[in-house]
PDB file of N, CA and C in Angstrom:
ATOM      1  N   MET A   1     -24.748 199.679  54.526  1.00  0.00           N
ATOM      2  CA  MET A   1     -25.960 200.563  53.225  1.00  0.00           C
ATOM      3  C   MET A   1     -27.048 199.745  53.187  1.00  0.00           C
ATOM      4  N   GLU A   2     -28.294 199.812  53.466  1.00  0.00           N
ATOM      5  CA  GLU A   2     -29.507 199.225  53.017  1.00  0.00           C
ATOM      6  C   GLU A   2     -29.779 198.853  51.228  1.00  0.00           C
ATOM      7  N   GLN A   3     -30.302 198.084  51.074  1.00  0.00           N
ATOM      8  CA  GLN A   3     -30.630 197.706  49.770  1.00  0.00           C
ATOM      9  C   GLN A   3     -31.953 197.420  49.447  1.00  0.00           C
ATOM     10  N   ARG A   4     -32.616 198.148  48.548  1.00  0.00           N
ATOM     11  CA  ARG A   4     -34.146 198.123  48.881  1.00  0.00           C
ATOM     12  C   ARG A   4     -34.242 197.257  47.342  1.00  0.00           C
ATOM     13  N   ASN A   5     -35.406 196.472  47.509  1.00  0.00           N
ATOM     14  CA  ASN A   5     -35.830 195.594  46.150  1.00  0.00           C
ATOM     15  C   ASN A   5     -36.479 196.720  45.291  1.00  0.00           C
ATOM     16  N   SER A   6     -36.225 196.401  43.896  1.00  0.00           N
ATOM     17  CA  SER A   6     -37.225 197.449  42.920  1.00  0.00           C
ATOM     18  C   SER A   6     -38.277 196.579  42.404  1.00  0.00           C
ATOM     19  N   LEU A   7     -39.321 197.226  41.880  1.00  0.00           N
ATOM     20  CA  LEU A   7     -40.430 196.508  41.335  1.00  0.00           C
ATOM     21  C   LEU A   7     -40.193 196.352  39.989  1.00  0.00           C
ATOM     22  N   ALA A   8     -40.675 195.412  39.581  1.00  0.00           N
ATOM     23  CA  ALA A   8     -40.749 195.006  37.981  1.00  0.00           C
ATOM     24  C   ALA A   8     -41.773 195.404  37.235  1.00  0.00           C
ATOM     25  N   GLY A   9     -41.276 196.496  36.074  1.00  0.00           N
ATOM     26  CA  GLY A   9     -42.272 197.146  35.263  1.00  0.00           C
ATOM     27  C   GLY A   9     -42.377 196.341  33.908  1.00  0.00           C
ATOM     28  N   GLY A  10     -41.207 195.510  33.639  1.00  0.00           N
ATOM     29  CA  GLY A  10     -41.319 194.685  32.256  1.00  0.00           C
ATOM     30  C   GLY A  10     -42.537 193.682  32.507  1.00  0.00           C
ATOM     31  N   PHE A  11     -42.607 193.189  33.354  1.00  0.00           N
ATOM     32  CA  PHE A  11     -44.037 192.251  33.263  1.00  0.00           C
ATOM     33  C   PHE A  11     -45.397 192.947  32.786  1.00  0.00           C
ATOM     34  N   LEU A  12     -45.458 194.101  33.508  1.00  0.00           N
ATOM     35  CA  LEU A  12     -46.771 194.922  32.907  1.00  0.00           C
ATOM     36  C   LEU A  12     -46.725 195.583  31.313  1.00  0.00           C
ATOM     37  N   LEU A  13     -45.350 195.540  30.754  1.00  0.00           N
ATOM     38  CA  LEU A  13     -45.325 195.945  29.574  1.00  0.00           C
ATOM     39  C   LEU A  13     -45.530 194.660  28.763  1.00  0.00           C
ATOM     40  N   MET A  14     -45.137 193.446  29.122  1.00  0.00           N
ATOM     41  CA  MET A  14     -45.207 192.419  28.470  1.00  0.00           C
ATOM     42  C   MET A  14     -46.775 191.896  28.045  1.00  0.00           C
ATOM     43  N   VAL A  15     -47.486 191.676  29.209  1.00  0.00           N
ATOM     44  CA  VAL A  15     -48.742 191.665  29.534  1.00  0.00           C
ATOM     45  C   VAL A  15     -49.738 192.583  28.722  1.00  0.00           C
ATOM     46  N   ALA A  16     -49.398 193.711  28.758  1.00  0.00           N
ATOM     47  CA  ALA A  16     -50.037 194.941  27.919  1.00  0.00           C
ATOM     48  C   ALA A  16     -50.053 194.560  26.281  1.00  0.00           C
ATOM     49  N   ILE A  17     -48.809 194.393  25.810  1.00  0.00           N
ATOM     50  CA  ILE A  17     -48.599 194.058  24.697  1.00  0.00           C
ATOM     51  C   ILE A  17     -49.482 192.466  24.343  1.00  0.00           C
ATOM     52  N   VAL A  18     -49.153 191.523  25.012  1.00  0.00           N
ATOM     53  CA  VAL A  18     -49.917 190.446  24.883  1.00  0.00           C
ATOM     54  C   VAL A  18     -51.820 190.679  24.620  1.00  0.00           C
ATOM     55  N   ALA A  19     -51.915 191.287  25.481  1.00  0.00           N
ATOM     56  CA  ALA A  19     -53.610 191.699  25.646  1.00  0.00           C
ATOM     57  C   ALA A  19     -53.662 192.685  24.446  1.00  0.00           C
ATOM     58  N   GLY A  20     -53.038 193.578  24.304  1.00  0.00           N
ATOM     59  CA  GLY A  20     -53.320 194.178  23.175  1.00  0.00           C
ATOM     60  C   GLY A  20     -53.278 193.348  21.555  1.00  0.00           C
ATOM     61  N   PHE A  21     -52.279 192.413  21.441  1.00  0.00           N
ATOM     62  CA  PHE A  21     -52.384 191.693  20.483  1.00  0.00           C
ATOM     63  C   PHE A  21     -53.942 191.020  20.339  1.00  0.00           C
ATOM     64  N   ALA A  22     -53.789 190.573  21.492  1.00  0.00           N
ATOM     65  CA  ALA A  22     -55.464 189.449  21.948  1.00  0.00           C
ATOM     66  C   ALA A  22     -56.896 190.528  20.958  1.00  0.00           C
ATOM     67  N   TRP A  23     -56.617 191.543  21.672  1.00  0.00           N
ATOM     68  CA  TRP A  23     -57.455 192.729  21.505  1.00  0.00           C
ATOM     69  C   TRP A  23     -57.401 192.747  19.863  1.00  0.00           C
ATOM     70  N   GLY A  24     -56.582 193.248  19.528  1.00  0.00           N
ATOM     71  CA  GLY A  24     -56.237 193.550  18.107  1.00  0.00           C
ATOM     72  C   GLY A  24     -56.989 192.137  17.219  1.00  0.00           C
ATOM     73  N   VAL A  25     -56.544 191.231  17.306  1.00  0.00           N
ATOM     74  CA  VAL A  25     -56.826 190.158  16.326  1.00  0.00           C
ATOM     75  C   VAL A  25     -58.443 189.968  16.458  1.00  0.00           C
ATOM     76  N   ALA A  26     -58.740 189.946  17.823  1.00  0.00           N
ATOM     77  CA  ALA A  26     -60.651 189.937  18.019  1.00  0.00           C
ATOM     78  C   ALA A  26     -61.093 191.054  17.052  1.00  0.00           C
ATOM     79  N   THR A  27     -60.450 192.181  16.885  1.00  0.00           N
ATOM     80  CA  THR A  27     -60.902 193.281  16.426  1.00  0.00           C
ATOM     81  C   THR A  27     -60.796 193.562  14.784  1.00  0.00           C
ATOM     82  N   GLY A  28     -59.598 192.298  14.271  1.00  0.00           N
ATOM     83  CA  GLY A  28     -59.344 192.095  13.039  1.00  0.00           C
ATOM     84  C   GLY A  28     -57.971 193.749  12.812  1.00  0.00           C
ATOM     85  N   GLN A  29     -57.559 193.809  13.624  1.00  0.00           N
ATOM     86  CA  GLN A  29     -56.470 194.823  13.486  1.00  0.00           C
ATOM     87  C   GLN A  29     -55.251 194.419  14.375  1.00  0.00           C
ATOM     88  N   PRO A  30     -54.567 193.331  14.278  1.00  0.00           N
ATOM     89  CA  PRO A  30     -53.597 192.849  15.046  1.00  0.00           C
ATOM     90  C   PRO A  30     -52.359 193.770  15.712  1.00  0.00           C
ATOM     91  N   MET A  31     -52.307 194.547  14.542  1.00  0.00           N
ATOM     92  CA  MET A  31     -50.987 195.437  14.689  1.00  0.00           C
ATOM     93  C   MET A  31     -51.262 196.724  15.362  1.00  0.00           C
ATOM     94  N   LEU A  32     -52.643 197.092  15.107  1.00  0.00           N
ATOM     95  CA  LEU A  32     -52.929 198.167  16.118  1.00  0.00           C
ATOM     96  C   LEU A  32     -53.163 198.056  17.266  1.00  0.00           C
ATOM     97  N   GLY A  33     -53.687 196.534  17.659  1.00  0.00           N
ATOM     98  CA  GLY A  33     -53.444 195.935  18.962  1.00  0.00           C
ATOM     99  C   GLY A  33     -52.343 196.169  19.935  1.00  0.00           C
ATOM    100  N   VAL A  34     -51.210 195.739  18.887  1.00  0.00           N
ATOM    101  CA  VAL A  34     -49.620 195.555  19.470  1.00  0.00           C
ATOM    102  C   VAL A  34     -49.468 197.005  19.975  1.00  0.00           C
ATOM    103  N   LEU A  35     -49.808 197.971  19.074  1.00  0.00           N
ATOM    104  CA  LEU A  35     -49.547 199.238  19.139  1.00  0.00           C
ATOM    105  C   LEU A  35     -49.997 199.906  20.348  1.00  0.00           C
ATOM    106  N   ALA A  36     -51.147 199.817  20.366  1.00  0.00           N
ATOM    107  CA  ALA A  36     -52.061 200.055  22.005  1.00  0.00           C
ATOM    108  C   ALA A  36     -51.745 199.638  22.916  1.00  0.00           C
ATOM    109  N   GLY A  37     -51.260 198.194  22.882  1.00  0.00           N
ATOM    110  CA  GLY A  37     -51.011 197.641  24.094  1.00  0.00           C
ATOM    111  C   GLY A  37     -49.282 197.920  24.563  1.00  0.00           C
ATOM    112  N   THR A  38     -48.418 198.271  23.713  1.00  0.00           N
ATOM    113  CA  THR A  38     -47.109 198.912  23.856  1.00  0.00           C
ATOM    114  C   THR A  38     -47.436 200.199  24.406  1.00  0.00           C
ATOM    115  N   GLY A  39     -48.107 200.987  24.112  1.00  0.00           N
ATOM    116  CA  GLY A  39     -48.048 202.212  24.623  1.00  0.00           C
ATOM    117  C   GLY A  39     -48.692 202.131  26.005  1.00  0.00           C
ATOM    118  N   LEU A  40     -49.836 201.249  26.183  1.00  0.00           N
ATOM    119  CA  LEU A  40     -50.168 201.634  27.381  1.00  0.00           C
ATOM    120  C   LEU A  40     -49.122 200.565  28.440  1.00  0.00           C
ATOM    121  N   GLY A  41     -48.259 199.734  27.827  1.00  0.00           N
ATOM    122  CA  GLY A  41     -47.483 198.817  28.783  1.00  0.00           C
ATOM    123  C   GLY A  41     -46.634 199.922  28.981  1.00  0.00           C
ATOM    124  N   VAL A  42     -45.976 200.713  28.267  1.00  0.00           N
ATOM    125  CA  VAL A  42     -44.807 201.950  28.556  1.00  0.00           C
ATOM    126  C   VAL A  42     -45.118 202.760  29.523  1.00  0.00           C
ATOM    127  N   ALA A  43     -46.641 203.133  29.221  1.00  0.00           N
ATOM    128  CA  ALA A  43     -47.198 204.095  30.498  1.00  0.00           C
ATOM    129  C   ALA A  43     -46.952 203.624  31.698  1.00  0.00           C
ATOM    130  N   ALA A  44     -47.382 202.299  31.773  1.00  0.00           N
ATOM    131  CA  ALA A  44     -47.677 201.351  33.157  1.00  0.00           C
ATOM    132  C   ALA A  44     -46.368 201.378  34.150  1.00  0.00           C
ATOM    133  N   ALA A  45     -45.448 200.853  33.152  1.00  0.00           N
ATOM    134  CA  ALA A  45     -44.030 200.578  33.513  1.00  0.00           C
ATOM    135  C   ALA A  45     -43.449 202.140  34.086  1.00  0.00           C
ATOM    136  N   VAL A  46     -43.436 203.039  32.973  1.00  0.00           N
ATOM    137  CA  VAL A  46     -43.085 204.202  33.837  1.00  0.00           C
ATOM    138  C   VAL A  46     -43.622 204.918  34.977  1.00  0.00           C
ATOM    139  N   LEU A  47     -45.293 204.750  35.081  1.00  0.00           N
ATOM    140  CA  LEU A  47     -45.602 204.707  36.085  1.00  0.00           C
ATOM    141  C   LEU A  47     -45.141 204.296  37.388  1.00  0.00           C
ATOM    142  N   LEU A  48     -44.920 202.921  37.463  1.00  0.00           N
ATOM    143  CA  LEU A  48     -44.360 202.157  38.227  1.00  0.00           C
ATOM    144  C   LEU A  48     -43.091 202.486  39.032  1.00  0.00           C
ATOM    145  N   TRP A  49     -42.026 202.866  37.573  1.00  0.00           N
ATOM    146  CA  TRP A  49     -40.873 203.221  38.031  1.00  0.00           C
ATOM    147  C   TRP A  49     -40.948 204.405  38.724  1.00  0.00           C
ATOM    148  N   LEU A  50     -41.940 205.508  38.390  1.00  0.00           N
ATOM    149  CA  LEU A  50     -41.829 206.699  39.398  1.00  0.00           C
ATOM    150  C   LEU A  50     -42.285 206.688  40.606  1.00  0.00           C
ATOM    151  N   PHE A  51     -43.113 205.543  40.777  1.00  0.00           N
ATOM    152  CA  PHE A  51     -43.774 205.088  42.082  1.00  0.00           C
ATOM    153  C   PHE A  51     -42.588 204.623  43.022  1.00  0.00           C
ATOM    154  N   ASP A  52     -41.916 203.620  42.336  1.00  0.00           N
ATOM    155  CA  ASP A  52     -40.787 202.809  42.953  1.00  0.00           C
ATOM    156  C   ASP A  52     -39.656 204.003  43.509  1.00  0.00           C
ATOM    157  N   ARG A  53     -39.402 204.448  42.398  1.00  0.00           N
ATOM    158  CA  ARG A  53     -38.320 205.901  43.053  1.00  0.00           C
ATOM    159  C   ARG A  53     -38.931 206.582  44.042  1.00  0.00           C
ATOM    160  N   ARG A  54     -40.192 207.071  44.141  1.00  0.00           N
ATOM    161  CA  ARG A  54     -40.849 207.580  45.601  1.00  0.00           C
ATOM    162  C   ARG A  54     -40.764 206.973  46.903  1.00  0.00           C
ATOM    163  N   ARG A  55     -40.588 205.544  46.876  1.00  0.00           N
ATOM    164  CA  ARG A  55     -40.262 204.896  47.795  1.00  0.00           C
ATOM    165  C   ARG A  55     -38.895 205.108  48.707  1.00  0.00           C
TER     166      ARG A  55
END
């Protein structure tokens, strides 16, 4: 049986959270940045998962 390599979506989640935190610190609202980064990271990871399922 052939085995596929799956794509890693956790990296996108981590990068989005850190970028959101950095943006939040720059704007004076770090918690809002973390929440926004988490939301964007989860969306990106889900999209990557859906893309990987179709391969």
